[in-house]
Amino acid sequence: MIALYEATKAIYAVRNSEELLPALANITLRMLQADDVSILLADKDGTYSAMAHSGILDPAHGAARNLILQNLSEARPPKLNIISEDNLTGI
């Protein structure tokens, strides 16, 4: 619960929208006690773009992270089957 409070406090301290995703990456890194965090957002065409990063900055780790991000950006998100009333007939 304390982590959620700290995250909320840090988010409200952000003064402009360009600082929000890097702040969220830093908060997530601390909360999860992770080595590295990247925030990816899906583009309209279904590819992913890295919008923020926090963590290890050494070149070897950066190369591995870039390879992972490249593989993710080439992947397509799964298509979701939207539930409608027609799909619920007979249930």
C-alpha atoms as a PDB file:
ATOM      1  CA  MET A   1       0.000   0.000   0.000  1.00  0.00           C
ATOM      2  CA  ILE A   2       2.906   2.339   0.720  1.00  0.00           C
ATOM      3  CA  ALA A   3       4.284   1.702  -2.769  1.00  0.00           C
ATOM      4  CA  LEU A   4       0.980   2.757  -4.334  1.00  0.00           C
ATOM      5  CA  TYR A   5       0.962   5.944  -2.255  1.00  0.00           C
ATOM      6  CA  GLU A   6       4.554   6.733  -3.281  1.00  0.00           C
ATOM      7  CA  ALA A   7       3.717   6.093  -6.943  1.00  0.00           C
ATOM      8  CA  THR A   8       0.672   8.363  -6.805  1.00  0.00           C
ATOM      9  CA  LYS A   9       2.675  11.093  -5.084  1.00  0.00           C
ATOM     10  CA  ALA A  10       5.412  10.903  -7.733  1.00  0.00           C
ATOM     11  CA  ILE A  11       2.894  10.978 -10.590  1.00  0.00           C
ATOM     12  CA  TYR A  12       1.211  14.103  -9.217  1.00  0.00           C
ATOM     13  CA  ALA A  13       4.626  15.752  -8.889  1.00  0.00           C
ATOM     14  CA  VAL A  14       5.165  15.532 -12.676  1.00  0.00           C
ATOM     15  CA  ARG A  15       4.780  18.987 -14.186  1.00  0.00           C
ATOM     16  CA  ASN A  16       4.384  18.124 -17.887  1.00  0.00           C
ATOM     17  CA  SER A  17       3.239  15.152 -19.925  1.00  0.00           C
ATOM     18  CA  GLU A  18       6.720  14.498 -21.373  1.00  0.00           C
ATOM     19  CA  GLU A  19       7.958  13.622 -17.884  1.00  0.00           C
ATOM     20  CA  LEU A  20       5.125  11.217 -17.048  1.00  0.00           C
ATOM     21  CA  LEU A  21       6.329   7.995 -18.734  1.00  0.00           C
ATOM     22  CA  PRO A  22       9.951   8.344 -17.519  1.00  0.00           C
ATOM     23  CA  ALA A  23       8.590   8.965 -14.008  1.00  0.00           C
ATOM     24  CA  LEU A  24       6.398   5.857 -14.274  1.00  0.00           C
ATOM     25  CA  ALA A  25       9.405   3.825 -15.455  1.00  0.00           C
ATOM     26  CA  ASN A  26      11.441   5.010 -12.444  1.00  0.00           C
ATOM     27  CA  ILE A  27       8.598   4.284 -10.034  1.00  0.00           C
ATOM     28  CA  THR A  28       8.071   0.815 -11.508  1.00  0.00           C
ATOM     29  CA  LEU A  29      11.800   0.070 -11.310  1.00  0.00           C
ATOM     30  CA  ARG A  30      11.815   0.911  -7.594  1.00  0.00           C
ATOM     31  CA  MET A  31       8.509  -0.802  -6.761  1.00  0.00           C
ATOM     32  CA  LEU A  32       9.446  -4.066  -8.492  1.00  0.00           C
ATOM     33  CA  GLN A  33      13.094  -3.824  -7.425  1.00  0.00           C
ATOM     34  CA  ALA A  34      13.904  -4.592 -11.052  1.00  0.00           C
ATOM     35  CA  ASP A  35      17.183  -4.099 -12.899  1.00  0.00           C
ATOM     36  CA  ASP A  36      15.558  -2.592 -15.958  1.00  0.00           C
ATOM     37  CA  VAL A  37      12.131  -1.277 -17.010  1.00  0.00           C
ATOM     38  CA  SER A  38      10.876  -0.165 -20.412  1.00  0.00           C
ATOM     39  CA  ILE A  39       7.429   1.200 -21.205  1.00  0.00           C
ATOM     40  CA  LEU A  40       6.109   0.235 -24.628  1.00  0.00           C
ATOM     41  CA  LEU A  41       3.055   1.681 -26.304  1.00  0.00           C
ATOM     42  CA  ALA A  42       1.232   0.179 -29.278  1.00  0.00           C
ATOM     43  CA  ASP A  43       1.113   2.253 -32.450  1.00  0.00           C
ATOM     44  CA  LYS A  44      -1.956   2.399 -34.692  1.00  0.00           C
ATOM     45  CA  ASP A  45      -0.418  -0.205 -36.997  1.00  0.00           C
ATOM     46  CA  GLY A  46      -0.030  -2.657 -34.114  1.00  0.00           C
ATOM     47  CA  THR A  47       3.727  -2.317 -33.617  1.00  0.00           C
ATOM     48  CA  TYR A  48       5.245  -1.300 -30.298  1.00  0.00           C
ATOM     49  CA  SER A  49       7.512   1.650 -29.550  1.00  0.00           C
ATOM     50  CA  ALA A  50       9.659   2.116 -26.450  1.00  0.00           C
ATOM     51  CA  MET A  51       8.524   5.375 -24.895  1.00  0.00           C
ATOM     52  CA  ALA A  52      10.499   5.346 -21.625  1.00  0.00           C
ATOM     53  CA  HIS A  53      13.273   3.397 -19.931  1.00  0.00           C
ATOM     54  CA  SER A  54      14.848   3.227 -16.505  1.00  0.00           C
ATOM     55  CA  GLY A  55      17.622   1.022 -15.215  1.00  0.00           C
ATOM     56  CA  ILE A  56      20.929  -0.373 -16.415  1.00  0.00           C
ATOM     57  CA  LEU A  57      22.651   1.774 -19.030  1.00  0.00           C
ATOM     58  CA  ASP A  58      25.777  -0.238 -19.893  1.00  0.00           C
ATOM     59  CA  PRO A  59      26.248  -0.985 -23.630  1.00  0.00           C
ATOM     60  CA  ALA A  60      25.981  -4.791 -23.355  1.00  0.00           C
ATOM     61  CA  HIS A  61      22.695  -4.586 -21.481  1.00  0.00           C
ATOM     62  CA  GLY A  62      21.468  -1.910 -23.869  1.00  0.00           C
ATOM     63  CA  ALA A  63      22.136  -4.169 -26.868  1.00  0.00           C
ATOM     64  CA  ALA A  64      20.135  -7.011 -25.291  1.00  0.00           C
ATOM     65  CA  ARG A  65      17.289  -4.628 -24.411  1.00  0.00           C
ATOM     66  CA  ASN A  66      17.246  -3.238 -27.963  1.00  0.00           C
ATOM     67  CA  LEU A  67      17.036  -6.757 -29.408  1.00  0.00           C
ATOM     68  CA  ILE A  68      14.084  -7.592 -27.160  1.00  0.00           C
ATOM     69  CA  LEU A  69      12.356  -4.323 -28.040  1.00  0.00           C
ATOM     70  CA  GLN A  70      12.968  -4.935 -31.741  1.00  0.00           C
ATOM     71  CA  ASN A  71      11.388  -8.394 -31.496  1.00  0.00           C
ATOM     72  CA  LEU A  72       8.420  -6.962 -29.613  1.00  0.00           C
ATOM     73  CA  SER A  73       8.001  -4.111 -32.080  1.00  0.00           C
ATOM     74  CA  GLU A  74       7.858  -6.595 -34.957  1.00  0.00           C
ATOM     75  CA  ALA A  75       5.201  -8.646 -33.178  1.00  0.00           C
ATOM     76  CA  ARG A  76       1.539  -7.927 -33.648  1.00  0.00           C
ATOM     77  CA  PRO A  77      -0.828  -7.791 -30.693  1.00  0.00           C
ATOM     78  CA  PRO A  78      -3.447 -10.546 -30.679  1.00  0.00           C
ATOM     79  CA  LYS A  79      -6.789  -9.734 -32.217  1.00  0.00           C
ATOM     80  CA  LEU A  80      -9.523  -9.652 -29.627  1.00  0.00           C
ATOM     81  CA  ASN A  81     -12.887 -11.259 -30.224  1.00  0.00           C
ATOM     82  CA  ILE A  82     -15.382  -8.649 -29.201  1.00  0.00           C
ATOM     83  CA  ILE A  83     -18.323 -10.075 -27.292  1.00  0.00           C
ATOM     84  CA  SER A  84     -21.675  -9.014 -28.644  1.00  0.00           C
ATOM     85  CA  GLU A  85     -25.253 -10.059 -27.917  1.00  0.00           C
ATOM     86  CA  ASP A  86     -25.135 -12.306 -31.004  1.00  0.00           C
ATOM     87  CA  ASN A  87     -22.237 -14.286 -29.476  1.00  0.00           C
ATOM     88  CA  LEU A  88     -24.201 -14.827 -26.248  1.00  0.00           C
ATOM     89  CA  THR A  89     -27.238 -16.512 -27.816  1.00  0.00           C
ATOM     90  CA  GLY A  90     -27.927 -19.877 -26.181  1.00  0.00           C
ATOM     91  CA  ILE A  91     -25.718 -19.312 -23.154  1.00  0.00           C
END
